[in-house]
Every structure is written in structure tokens, then in C-alpha cells.
Amino acid sequence: MELLKQYYAVIFTNTRTVGDNGYAEMAAAMETLARKQKGFIDFETARDQLGISVSYWDSLEAIANWKANLDHQVAQNKGMSDWYSWYKVRVCRVEREYEFNHRKSK
């Protein structure tokens, strides 16, 4: 990910209910849709017992527009009714980033 002057991270931490119930299909659709939104930068996710998904955006306005997207709202409502037993959302400004990549260092 290229370092931008200023950008934001939306950290979505959650625990899932039992069963897929259409979750995987909707999650893939939402990632595809998010990637098309103005201001979207990138997306990372991991799941074990706890799921953590982080989306990166160039502005708070872009985040608000994504939250208000009608298809995303359908997924949010389905998440509360069917897919998540708990979740927390954090919106953070990224102050600094750095990375290590073993393959690039050789």
C-alpha cells in the first residue's frame, strides 16, 4: 500500500454466529462493491475465533458514504440479524505506516 498524506482505517472486529447462512457470498460482494467506491484504498481481513477486517479510506466523507450505501446497509442489517453475535467498529486516522517484506529484502 502506498503511503498517502493522510488516510483512515475502519476496523471491524466481530464474532460470528454458527453457520454460513449466506455470509461468505455477501462478504465477497461487499468487498467487491467497496473497492469500487470513491475514496477506497485497500482491504485486509483475518478470521479465527475473532474476525478482524480493516478497510482503508482517503477521507471521513468516503467512510460515511460507504456506511450509507444502500447495498451495504442491507448487509449491515443482515449482519445484525443473522451473522454476528457481537461486533465493534473503530474509525482511526493512520498517522504512520511501515512494513517488512522478506521477499523484497533479498
PDB file of N, CA and C in Angstrom:
ATOM      1  N   MET A   1       0.854  -1.184   0.000  1.00  0.00           N
ATOM      2  CA  MET A   1       0.000   0.000   0.000  1.00  0.00           C
ATOM      3  C   MET A   1       0.893   1.238   0.000  1.00  0.00           C
ATOM      4  N   GLU A   2       0.628   2.122  -0.890  1.00  0.00           N
ATOM      5  CA  GLU A   2       1.388   3.362  -0.981  1.00  0.00           C
ATOM      6  C   GLU A   2       0.955   4.298   0.146  1.00  0.00           C
ATOM      7  N   LEU A   3       1.914   4.929   0.794  1.00  0.00           N
ATOM      8  CA  LEU A   3       1.596   5.851   1.880  1.00  0.00           C
ATOM      9  C   LEU A   3       1.025   7.141   1.311  1.00  0.00           C
ATOM     10  N   LEU A   4      -0.169   7.468   1.745  1.00  0.00           N
ATOM     11  CA  LEU A   4      -0.805   8.710   1.344  1.00  0.00           C
ATOM     12  C   LEU A   4      -0.539   9.761   2.409  1.00  0.00           C
ATOM     13  N   LYS A   5      -0.816  11.004   2.100  1.00  0.00           N
ATOM     14  CA  LYS A   5      -0.583  12.078   3.063  1.00  0.00           C
ATOM     15  C   LYS A   5      -1.386  11.835   4.341  1.00  0.00           C
ATOM     16  N   GLN A   6      -2.638  11.512   4.196  1.00  0.00           N
ATOM     17  CA  GLN A   6      -3.495  11.207   5.347  1.00  0.00           C
ATOM     18  C   GLN A   6      -4.553  10.224   4.884  1.00  0.00           C
ATOM     19  N   TYR A   7      -4.808   9.207   5.675  1.00  0.00           N
ATOM     20  CA  TYR A   7      -5.897   8.300   5.351  1.00  0.00           C
ATOM     21  C   TYR A   7      -6.442   7.692   6.619  1.00  0.00           C
ATOM     22  N   TYR A   8      -7.516   6.935   6.488  1.00  0.00           N
ATOM     23  CA  TYR A   8      -8.257   6.425   7.631  1.00  0.00           C
ATOM     24  C   TYR A   8      -8.434   4.919   7.520  1.00  0.00           C
ATOM     25  N   ALA A   9      -8.540   4.296   8.675  1.00  0.00           N
ATOM     26  CA  ALA A   9      -8.806   2.863   8.749  1.00  0.00           C
ATOM     27  C   ALA A   9     -10.112   2.655   9.500  1.00  0.00           C
ATOM     28  N   VAL A  10     -10.957   1.794   8.965  1.00  0.00           N
ATOM     29  CA  VAL A  10     -12.163   1.354   9.663  1.00  0.00           C
ATOM     30  C   VAL A  10     -11.889  -0.086  10.083  1.00  0.00           C
ATOM     31  N   ILE A  11     -11.818  -0.295  11.391  1.00  0.00           N
ATOM     32  CA  ILE A  11     -11.505  -1.613  11.941  1.00  0.00           C
ATOM     33  C   ILE A  11     -12.811  -2.228  12.433  1.00  0.00           C
ATOM     34  N   PHE A  12     -13.178  -3.345  11.830  1.00  0.00           N
ATOM     35  CA  PHE A  12     -14.417  -4.047  12.155  1.00  0.00           C
ATOM     36  C   PHE A  12     -14.030  -5.366  12.831  1.00  0.00           C
ATOM     37  N   THR A  13     -14.226  -5.432  14.138  1.00  0.00           N
ATOM     38  CA  THR A  13     -13.893  -6.617  14.931  1.00  0.00           C
ATOM     39  C   THR A  13     -15.200  -7.307  15.293  1.00  0.00           C
ATOM     40  N   ASN A  14     -15.241  -8.659  15.170  1.00  0.00           N
ATOM     41  CA  ASN A  14     -16.523  -9.333  15.373  1.00  0.00           C
ATOM     42  C   ASN A  14     -16.362 -10.786  15.773  1.00  0.00           C
ATOM     43  N   THR A  15     -17.437 -11.322  16.310  1.00  0.00           N
ATOM     44  CA  THR A  15     -17.587 -12.765  16.498  1.00  0.00           C
ATOM     45  C   THR A  15     -18.831 -13.171  15.719  1.00  0.00           C
ATOM     46  N   ARG A  16     -18.731 -14.326  15.080  1.00  0.00           N
ATOM     47  CA  ARG A  16     -19.792 -14.819  14.198  1.00  0.00           C
ATOM     48  C   ARG A  16     -20.749 -15.743  14.930  1.00  0.00           C
ATOM     49  N   THR A  17     -21.938 -15.846  14.382  1.00  0.00           N
ATOM     50  CA  THR A  17     -22.892 -16.853  14.809  1.00  0.00           C
ATOM     51  C   THR A  17     -22.526 -18.166  14.109  1.00  0.00           C
ATOM     52  N   VAL A  18     -23.189 -19.245  14.453  1.00  0.00           N
ATOM     53  CA  VAL A  18     -22.908 -20.554  13.861  1.00  0.00           C
ATOM     54  C   VAL A  18     -23.494 -20.628  12.455  1.00  0.00           C
ATOM     55  N   GLY A  19     -22.747 -21.229  11.535  1.00  0.00           N
ATOM     56  CA  GLY A  19     -23.234 -21.433  10.172  1.00  0.00           C
ATOM     57  C   GLY A  19     -22.922 -20.265   9.263  1.00  0.00           C
ATOM     58  N   ASP A  20     -22.927 -20.543   7.967  1.00  0.00           N
ATOM     59  CA  ASP A  20     -22.612 -19.513   6.986  1.00  0.00           C
ATOM     60  C   ASP A  20     -23.816 -18.635   6.687  1.00  0.00           C
ATOM     61  N   ASN A  21     -24.962 -19.257   6.427  1.00  0.00           N
ATOM     62  CA  ASN A  21     -26.208 -18.515   6.180  1.00  0.00           C
ATOM     63  C   ASN A  21     -26.070 -17.417   5.125  1.00  0.00           C
ATOM     64  N   GLY A  22     -25.248 -17.675   4.088  1.00  0.00           N
ATOM     65  CA  GLY A  22     -25.067 -16.690   3.032  1.00  0.00           C
ATOM     66  C   GLY A  22     -23.987 -15.657   3.297  1.00  0.00           C
ATOM     67  N   TYR A  23     -23.283 -15.801   4.418  1.00  0.00           N
ATOM     68  CA  TYR A  23     -22.274 -14.811   4.815  1.00  0.00           C
ATOM     69  C   TYR A  23     -21.132 -14.688   3.799  1.00  0.00           C
ATOM     70  N   ALA A  24     -20.536 -15.814   3.403  1.00  0.00           N
ATOM     71  CA  ALA A  24     -19.360 -15.768   2.527  1.00  0.00           C
ATOM     72  C   ALA A  24     -19.674 -15.061   1.211  1.00  0.00           C
ATOM     73  N   GLU A  25     -20.826 -15.357   0.644  1.00  0.00           N
ATOM     74  CA  GLU A  25     -21.224 -14.721  -0.612  1.00  0.00           C
ATOM     75  C   GLU A  25     -21.395 -13.211  -0.439  1.00  0.00           C
ATOM     76  N   MET A  26     -22.056 -12.808   0.658  1.00  0.00           N
ATOM     77  CA  MET A  26     -22.271 -11.385   0.901  1.00  0.00           C
ATOM     78  C   MET A  26     -20.949 -10.681   1.209  1.00  0.00           C
ATOM     79  N   ALA A  27     -20.078 -11.314   1.973  1.00  0.00           N
ATOM     80  CA  ALA A  27     -18.785 -10.700   2.294  1.00  0.00           C
ATOM     81  C   ALA A  27     -17.986 -10.439   1.022  1.00  0.00           C
ATOM     82  N   ALA A  28     -17.974 -11.396   0.112  1.00  0.00           N
ATOM     83  CA  ALA A  28     -17.269 -11.216  -1.160  1.00  0.00           C
ATOM     84  C   ALA A  28     -17.899 -10.091  -1.977  1.00  0.00           C
ATOM     85  N   ALA A  29     -19.213 -10.042  -2.004  1.00  0.00           N
ATOM     86  CA  ALA A  29     -19.918  -8.989  -2.748  1.00  0.00           C
ATOM     87  C   ALA A  29     -19.623  -7.611  -2.158  1.00  0.00           C
ATOM     88  N   MET A  30     -19.574  -7.515  -0.826  1.00  0.00           N
ATOM     89  CA  MET A  30     -19.311  -6.232  -0.178  1.00  0.00           C
ATOM     90  C   MET A  30     -17.880  -5.768  -0.430  1.00  0.00           C
ATOM     91  N   GLU A  31     -16.928  -6.690  -0.425  1.00  0.00           N
ATOM     92  CA  GLU A  31     -15.553  -6.291  -0.724  1.00  0.00           C
ATOM     93  C   GLU A  31     -15.454  -5.774  -2.159  1.00  0.00           C
ATOM     94  N   THR A  32     -16.076  -6.466  -3.092  1.00  0.00           N
ATOM     95  CA  THR A  32     -16.077  -6.031  -4.494  1.00  0.00           C
ATOM     96  C   THR A  32     -16.711  -4.647  -4.625  1.00  0.00           C
ATOM     97  N   LEU A  33     -17.837  -4.440  -3.955  1.00  0.00           N
ATOM     98  CA  LEU A  33     -18.525  -3.153  -4.005  1.00  0.00           C
ATOM     99  C   LEU A  33     -17.691  -2.045  -3.357  1.00  0.00           C
ATOM    100  N   ALA A  34     -17.098  -2.334  -2.203  1.00  0.00           N
ATOM    101  CA  ALA A  34     -16.280  -1.332  -1.510  1.00  0.00           C
ATOM    102  C   ALA A  34     -15.122  -0.882  -2.391  1.00  0.00           C
ATOM    103  N   ARG A  35     -14.501  -1.825  -3.085  1.00  0.00           N
ATOM    104  CA  ARG A  35     -13.363  -1.498  -3.942  1.00  0.00           C
ATOM    105  C   ARG A  35     -13.738  -0.536  -5.075  1.00  0.00           C
ATOM    106  N   LYS A  36     -15.019  -0.426  -5.396  1.00  0.00           N
ATOM    107  CA  LYS A  36     -15.495   0.472  -6.452  1.00  0.00           C
ATOM    108  C   LYS A  36     -15.878   1.856  -5.921  1.00  0.00           C
ATOM    109  N   GLN A  37     -15.894   2.022  -4.598  1.00  0.00           N
ATOM    110  CA  GLN A  37     -16.347   3.275  -4.016  1.00  0.00           C
ATOM    111  C   GLN A  37     -15.270   4.340  -4.097  1.00  0.00           C
ATOM    112  N   LYS A  38     -15.687   5.567  -4.335  1.00  0.00           N
ATOM    113  CA  LYS A  38     -14.764   6.698  -4.341  1.00  0.00           C
ATOM    114  C   LYS A  38     -14.109   6.798  -2.961  1.00  0.00           C
ATOM    115  N   GLY A  39     -12.807   6.926  -2.948  1.00  0.00           N
ATOM    116  CA  GLY A  39     -12.076   7.087  -1.694  1.00  0.00           C
ATOM    117  C   GLY A  39     -11.570   5.790  -1.091  1.00  0.00           C
ATOM    118  N   PHE A  40     -11.949   4.644  -1.665  1.00  0.00           N
ATOM    119  CA  PHE A  40     -11.471   3.357  -1.159  1.00  0.00           C
ATOM    120  C   PHE A  40      -9.993   3.201  -1.488  1.00  0.00           C
ATOM    121  N   ILE A  41      -9.221   2.653  -0.530  1.00  0.00           N
ATOM    122  CA  ILE A  41      -7.793   2.435  -0.746  1.00  0.00           C
ATOM    123  C   ILE A  41      -7.456   0.946  -0.757  1.00  0.00           C
ATOM    124  N   ASP A  42      -7.868   0.221   0.291  1.00  0.00           N
ATOM    125  CA  ASP A  42      -7.492  -1.189   0.389  1.00  0.00           C
ATOM    126  C   ASP A  42      -8.345  -1.875   1.454  1.00  0.00           C
ATOM    127  N   PHE A  43      -8.184  -3.205   1.539  1.00  0.00           N
ATOM    128  CA  PHE A  43      -8.960  -4.018   2.475  1.00  0.00           C
ATOM    129  C   PHE A  43      -8.121  -5.208   2.919  1.00  0.00           C
ATOM    130  N   GLU A  44      -8.166  -5.514   4.214  1.00  0.00           N
ATOM    131  CA  GLU A  44      -7.477  -6.677   4.781  1.00  0.00           C
ATOM    132  C   GLU A  44      -8.433  -7.355   5.755  1.00  0.00           C
ATOM    133  N   THR A  45      -8.359  -8.684   5.840  1.00  0.00           N
ATOM    134  CA  THR A  45      -9.235  -9.397   6.769  1.00  0.00           C
ATOM    135  C   THR A  45      -8.561 -10.660   7.273  1.00  0.00           C
ATOM    136  N   ALA A  46      -8.934 -11.078   8.476  1.00  0.00           N
ATOM    137  CA  ALA A  46      -8.442 -12.326   9.076  1.00  0.00           C
ATOM    138  C   ALA A  46      -9.532 -12.850  10.004  1.00  0.00           C
ATOM    139  N   ARG A  47      -9.617 -14.172  10.092  1.00  0.00           N
ATOM    140  CA  ARG A  47     -10.614 -14.766  10.975  1.00  0.00           C
ATOM    141  C   ARG A  47     -10.053 -16.031  11.590  1.00  0.00           C
ATOM    142  N   ASP A  48     -10.230 -16.131  12.904  1.00  0.00           N
ATOM    143  CA  ASP A  48     -10.030 -17.370  13.650  1.00  0.00           C
ATOM    144  C   ASP A  48     -11.244 -17.435  14.556  1.00  0.00           C
ATOM    145  N   GLN A  49     -11.090 -17.321  15.831  1.00  0.00           N
ATOM    146  CA  GLN A  49     -12.248 -17.190  16.714  1.00  0.00           C
ATOM    147  C   GLN A  49     -12.830 -15.777  16.602  1.00  0.00           C
ATOM    148  N   LEU A  50     -11.943 -14.827  16.412  1.00  0.00           N
ATOM    149  CA  LEU A  50     -12.314 -13.415  16.305  1.00  0.00           C
ATOM    150  C   LEU A  50     -12.039 -12.966  14.878  1.00  0.00           C
ATOM    151  N   GLY A  51     -12.989 -12.275  14.266  1.00  0.00           N
ATOM    152  CA  GLY A  51     -12.791 -11.743  12.927  1.00  0.00           C
ATOM    153  C   GLY A  51     -12.358 -10.292  13.007  1.00  0.00           C
ATOM    154  N   ILE A  52     -11.393  -9.929  12.182  1.00  0.00           N
ATOM    155  CA  ILE A  52     -10.943  -8.546  12.099  1.00  0.00           C
ATOM    156  C   ILE A  52     -10.830  -8.181  10.627  1.00  0.00           C
ATOM    157  N   SER A  53     -11.580  -7.169  10.216  1.00  0.00           N
ATOM    158  CA  SER A  53     -11.498  -6.648   8.853  1.00  0.00           C
ATOM    159  C   SER A  53     -11.162  -5.172   8.944  1.00  0.00           C
ATOM    160  N   VAL A  54     -10.226  -4.752   8.123  1.00  0.00           N
ATOM    161  CA  VAL A  54      -9.823  -3.348   8.118  1.00  0.00           C
ATOM    162  C   VAL A  54      -9.950  -2.828   6.694  1.00  0.00           C
ATOM    163  N   SER A  55     -10.720  -1.773   6.543  1.00  0.00           N
ATOM    164  CA  SER A  55     -10.791  -1.102   5.243  1.00  0.00           C
ATOM    165  C   SER A  55     -10.128   0.261   5.390  1.00  0.00           C
ATOM    166  N   TYR A  56      -9.487   0.694   4.323  1.00  0.00           N
ATOM    167  CA  TYR A  56      -8.734   1.948   4.327  1.00  0.00           C
ATOM    168  C   TYR A  56      -9.376   2.912   3.337  1.00  0.00           C
ATOM    169  N   TRP A  57      -9.506   4.173   3.780  1.00  0.00           N
ATOM    170  CA  TRP A  57     -10.219   5.188   3.009  1.00  0.00           C
ATOM    171  C   TRP A  57      -9.442   6.498   3.019  1.00  0.00           C
ATOM    172  N   ASP A  58      -9.648   7.297   1.983  1.00  0.00           N
ATOM    173  CA  ASP A  58      -8.903   8.554   1.900  1.00  0.00           C
ATOM    174  C   ASP A  58      -9.532   9.709   2.674  1.00  0.00           C
ATOM    175  N   SER A  59     -10.764   9.528   3.178  1.00  0.00           N
ATOM    176  CA  SER A  59     -11.409  10.624   3.920  1.00  0.00           C
ATOM    177  C   SER A  59     -12.541  10.088   4.796  1.00  0.00           C
ATOM    178  N   LEU A  60     -12.914  10.886   5.769  1.00  0.00           N
ATOM    179  CA  LEU A  60     -14.073  10.544   6.599  1.00  0.00           C
ATOM    180  C   LEU A  60     -15.353  10.581   5.765  1.00  0.00           C
ATOM    181  N   GLU A  61     -15.392  11.460   4.779  1.00  0.00           N
ATOM    182  CA  GLU A  61     -16.560  11.533   3.887  1.00  0.00           C
ATOM    183  C   GLU A  61     -16.734  10.225   3.111  1.00  0.00           C
ATOM    184  N   ALA A  62     -15.631   9.659   2.626  1.00  0.00           N
ATOM    185  CA  ALA A  62     -15.702   8.382   1.904  1.00  0.00           C
ATOM    186  C   ALA A  62     -16.225   7.273   2.811  1.00  0.00           C
ATOM    187  N   ILE A  63     -15.812   7.280   4.065  1.00  0.00           N
ATOM    188  CA  ILE A  63     -16.288   6.290   5.039  1.00  0.00           C
ATOM    189  C   ILE A  63     -17.787   6.458   5.261  1.00  0.00           C
ATOM    190  N   ALA A  64     -18.229   7.692   5.444  1.00  0.00           N
ATOM    191  CA  ALA A  64     -19.656   7.962   5.658  1.00  0.00           C
ATOM    192  C   ALA A  64     -20.478   7.536   4.435  1.00  0.00           C
ATOM    193  N   ASN A  65     -19.958   7.785   3.250  1.00  0.00           N
ATOM    194  CA  ASN A  65     -20.667   7.380   2.031  1.00  0.00           C
ATOM    195  C   ASN A  65     -20.761   5.862   1.937  1.00  0.00           C
ATOM    196  N   TRP A  66     -19.702   5.156   2.314  1.00  0.00           N
ATOM    197  CA  TRP A  66     -19.736   3.695   2.300  1.00  0.00           C
ATOM    198  C   TRP A  66     -20.752   3.169   3.318  1.00  0.00           C
ATOM    199  N   LYS A  67     -20.764   3.738   4.507  1.00  0.00           N
ATOM    200  CA  LYS A  67     -21.722   3.310   5.527  1.00  0.00           C
ATOM    201  C   LYS A  67     -23.161   3.532   5.052  1.00  0.00           C
ATOM    202  N   ALA A  68     -23.386   4.600   4.278  1.00  0.00           N
ATOM    203  CA  ALA A  68     -24.731   4.942   3.802  1.00  0.00           C
ATOM    204  C   ALA A  68     -25.125   4.214   2.519  1.00  0.00           C
ATOM    205  N   ASN A  69     -24.202   3.516   1.874  1.00  0.00           N
ATOM    206  CA  ASN A  69     -24.503   2.795   0.642  1.00  0.00           C
ATOM    207  C   ASN A  69     -25.644   1.808   0.895  1.00  0.00           C
ATOM    208  N   LEU A  70     -26.667   1.826   0.048  1.00  0.00           N
ATOM    209  CA  LEU A  70     -27.870   1.021   0.284  1.00  0.00           C
ATOM    210  C   LEU A  70     -27.590  -0.481   0.300  1.00  0.00           C
ATOM    211  N   ASP A  71     -26.755  -0.973  -0.598  1.00  0.00           N
ATOM    212  CA  ASP A  71     -26.408  -2.400  -0.584  1.00  0.00           C
ATOM    213  C   ASP A  71     -25.637  -2.758   0.682  1.00  0.00           C
ATOM    214  N   HIS A  72     -24.755  -1.851   1.104  1.00  0.00           N
ATOM    215  CA  HIS A  72     -24.004  -2.079   2.340  1.00  0.00           C
ATOM    216  C   HIS A  72     -24.941  -2.063   3.551  1.00  0.00           C
ATOM    217  N   GLN A  73     -25.948  -1.218   3.533  1.00  0.00           N
ATOM    218  CA  GLN A  73     -26.919  -1.191   4.630  1.00  0.00           C
ATOM    219  C   GLN A  73     -27.690  -2.503   4.726  1.00  0.00           C
ATOM    220  N   VAL A  74     -28.029  -3.108   3.593  1.00  0.00           N
ATOM    221  CA  VAL A  74     -28.687  -4.422   3.598  1.00  0.00           C
ATOM    222  C   VAL A  74     -27.778  -5.436   4.288  1.00  0.00           C
ATOM    223  N   ALA A  75     -26.487  -5.420   3.928  1.00  0.00           N
ATOM    224  CA  ALA A  75     -25.526  -6.342   4.549  1.00  0.00           C
ATOM    225  C   ALA A  75     -25.376  -6.056   6.035  1.00  0.00           C
ATOM    226  N   GLN A  76     -25.350  -4.781   6.426  1.00  0.00           N
ATOM    227  CA  GLN A  76     -25.243  -4.429   7.845  1.00  0.00           C
ATOM    228  C   GLN A  76     -26.433  -4.984   8.628  1.00  0.00           C
ATOM    229  N   ASN A  77     -27.633  -4.814   8.096  1.00  0.00           N
ATOM    230  CA  ASN A  77     -28.836  -5.315   8.776  1.00  0.00           C
ATOM    231  C   ASN A  77     -28.831  -6.835   8.872  1.00  0.00           C
ATOM    232  N   LYS A  78     -28.404  -7.501   7.809  1.00  0.00           N
ATOM    233  CA  LYS A  78     -28.306  -8.959   7.810  1.00  0.00           C
ATOM    234  C   LYS A  78     -27.251  -9.408   8.826  1.00  0.00           C
ATOM    235  N   GLY A  79     -26.190  -8.660   8.933  1.00  0.00           N
ATOM    236  CA  GLY A  79     -25.155  -8.960   9.917  1.00  0.00           C
ATOM    237  C   GLY A  79     -25.695  -8.947  11.334  1.00  0.00           C
ATOM    238  N   MET A  80     -26.499  -7.938  11.641  1.00  0.00           N
ATOM    239  CA  MET A  80     -27.076  -7.847  12.993  1.00  0.00           C
ATOM    240  C   MET A  80     -28.111  -8.930  13.250  1.00  0.00           C
ATOM    241  N   SER A  81     -28.855  -9.327  12.211  1.00  0.00           N
ATOM    242  CA  SER A  81     -29.912 -10.313  12.423  1.00  0.00           C
ATOM    243  C   SER A  81     -29.421 -11.757  12.316  1.00  0.00           C
ATOM    244  N   ASP A  82     -28.384 -12.005  11.482  1.00  0.00           N
ATOM    245  CA  ASP A  82     -28.018 -13.389  11.177  1.00  0.00           C
ATOM    246  C   ASP A  82     -26.561 -13.777  11.417  1.00  0.00           C
ATOM    247  N   TRP A  83     -25.613 -12.883  11.215  1.00  0.00           N
ATOM    248  CA  TRP A  83     -24.225 -13.310  11.106  1.00  0.00           C
ATOM    249  C   TRP A  83     -23.335 -13.017  12.299  1.00  0.00           C
ATOM    250  N   TYR A  84     -23.622 -11.997  13.068  1.00  0.00           N
ATOM    251  CA  TYR A  84     -22.730 -11.605  14.158  1.00  0.00           C
ATOM    252  C   TYR A  84     -23.412 -11.736  15.506  1.00  0.00           C
ATOM    253  N   SER A  85     -22.663 -12.281  16.465  1.00  0.00           N
ATOM    254  CA  SER A  85     -23.151 -12.276  17.845  1.00  0.00           C
ATOM    255  C   SER A  85     -22.646 -11.027  18.570  1.00  0.00           C
ATOM    256  N   TRP A  86     -21.579 -10.434  18.048  1.00  0.00           N
ATOM    257  CA  TRP A  86     -21.005  -9.204  18.614  1.00  0.00           C
ATOM    258  C   TRP A  86     -20.130  -8.552  17.557  1.00  0.00           C
ATOM    259  N   TYR A  87     -20.101  -7.226  17.555  1.00  0.00           N
ATOM    260  CA  TYR A  87     -19.106  -6.530  16.732  1.00  0.00           C
ATOM    261  C   TYR A  87     -18.824  -5.155  17.295  1.00  0.00           C
ATOM    262  N   LYS A  88     -17.680  -4.616  16.900  1.00  0.00           N
ATOM    263  CA  LYS A  88     -17.276  -3.264  17.265  1.00  0.00           C
ATOM    264  C   LYS A  88     -16.613  -2.648  16.042  1.00  0.00           C
ATOM    265  N   VAL A  89     -16.889  -1.358  15.796  1.00  0.00           N
ATOM    266  CA  VAL A  89     -16.289  -0.631  14.686  1.00  0.00           C
ATOM    267  C   VAL A  89     -15.471   0.519  15.263  1.00  0.00           C
ATOM    268  N   ARG A  90     -14.270   0.642  14.770  1.00  0.00           N
ATOM    269  CA  ARG A  90     -13.400   1.749  15.166  1.00  0.00           C
ATOM    270  C   ARG A  90     -12.966   2.478  13.899  1.00  0.00           C
ATOM    271  N   VAL A  91     -13.026   3.794  13.919  1.00  0.00           N
ATOM    272  CA  VAL A  91     -12.564   4.609  12.804  1.00  0.00           C
ATOM    273  C   VAL A  91     -11.349   5.377  13.303  1.00  0.00           C
ATOM    274  N   CYS A  92     -10.217   5.194  12.617  1.00  0.00           N
ATOM    275  CA  CYS A  92      -8.950   5.751  13.079  1.00  0.00           C
ATOM    276  C   CYS A  92      -8.239   6.476  11.946  1.00  0.00           C
ATOM    277  N   ARG A  93      -7.542   7.523  12.286  1.00  0.00           N
ATOM    278  CA  ARG A  93      -6.665   8.164  11.310  1.00  0.00           C
ATOM    279  C   ARG A  93      -5.310   7.467  11.395  1.00  0.00           C
ATOM    280  N   VAL A  94      -4.765   7.102  10.257  1.00  0.00           N
ATOM    281  CA  VAL A  94      -3.458   6.455  10.221  1.00  0.00           C
ATOM    282  C   VAL A  94      -2.395   7.539  10.249  1.00  0.00           C
ATOM    283  N   GLU A  95      -1.562   7.499  11.264  1.00  0.00           N
ATOM    284  CA  GLU A  95      -0.518   8.505  11.440  1.00  0.00           C
ATOM    285  C   GLU A  95       0.778   8.118  10.742  1.00  0.00           C
ATOM    286  N   ARG A  96       1.026   6.803  10.660  1.00  0.00           N
ATOM    287  CA  ARG A  96       2.294   6.341  10.115  1.00  0.00           C
ATOM    288  C   ARG A  96       2.123   4.893   9.700  1.00  0.00           C
ATOM    289  N   GLU A  97       2.893   4.457   8.716  1.00  0.00           N
ATOM    290  CA  GLU A  97       2.903   3.050   8.362  1.00  0.00           C
ATOM    291  C   GLU A  97       4.303   2.640   7.936  1.00  0.00           C
ATOM    292  N   TYR A  98       4.610   1.387   8.143  1.00  0.00           N
ATOM    293  CA  TYR A  98       5.840   0.794   7.630  1.00  0.00           C
ATOM    294  C   TYR A  98       5.600  -0.691   7.507  1.00  0.00           C
ATOM    295  N   GLU A  99       6.449  -1.369   6.745  1.00  0.00           N
ATOM    296  CA  GLU A  99       6.252  -2.796   6.567  1.00  0.00           C
ATOM    297  C   GLU A  99       7.582  -3.497   6.358  1.00  0.00           C
ATOM    298  N   PHE A 100       7.577  -4.782   6.549  1.00  0.00           N
ATOM    299  CA  PHE A 100       8.699  -5.664   6.242  1.00  0.00           C
ATOM    300  C   PHE A 100       8.200  -6.669   5.238  1.00  0.00           C
ATOM    301  N   ASN A 101       8.989  -6.917   4.207  1.00  0.00           N
ATOM    302  CA  ASN A 101       8.644  -7.941   3.220  1.00  0.00           C
ATOM    303  C   ASN A 101       9.914  -8.721   2.930  1.00  0.00           C
ATOM    304  N   HIS A 102       9.970  -9.932   3.464  1.00  0.00           N
ATOM    305  CA  HIS A 102      11.155 -10.769   3.345  1.00  0.00           C
ATOM    306  C   HIS A 102      11.545 -10.982   1.886  1.00  0.00           C
ATOM    307  N   ARG A 103      10.575 -11.150   1.019  1.00  0.00           N
ATOM    308  CA  ARG A 103      10.872 -11.404  -0.392  1.00  0.00           C
ATOM    309  C   ARG A 103      11.532 -10.213  -1.062  1.00  0.00           C
ATOM    310  N   LYS A 104      11.163  -9.004  -0.666  1.00  0.00           N
ATOM    311  CA  LYS A 104      11.749  -7.820  -1.282  1.00  0.00           C
ATOM    312  C   LYS A 104      13.144  -7.509  -0.739  1.00  0.00           C
ATOM    313  N   SER A 105      13.482  -8.051   0.437  1.00  0.00           N
ATOM    314  CA  SER A 105      14.763  -7.711   1.054  1.00  0.00           C
ATOM    315  C   SER A 105      15.914  -8.561   0.538  1.00  0.00           C
ATOM    316  N   LYS A 106      15.660  -9.552  -0.284  1.00  0.00           N
ATOM    317  CA  LYS A 106      16.735 -10.420  -0.799  1.00  0.00           C
ATOM    318  C   LYS A 106      17.348  -9.855  -2.051  1.00  0.00           C
TER     319      LYS A 106
END
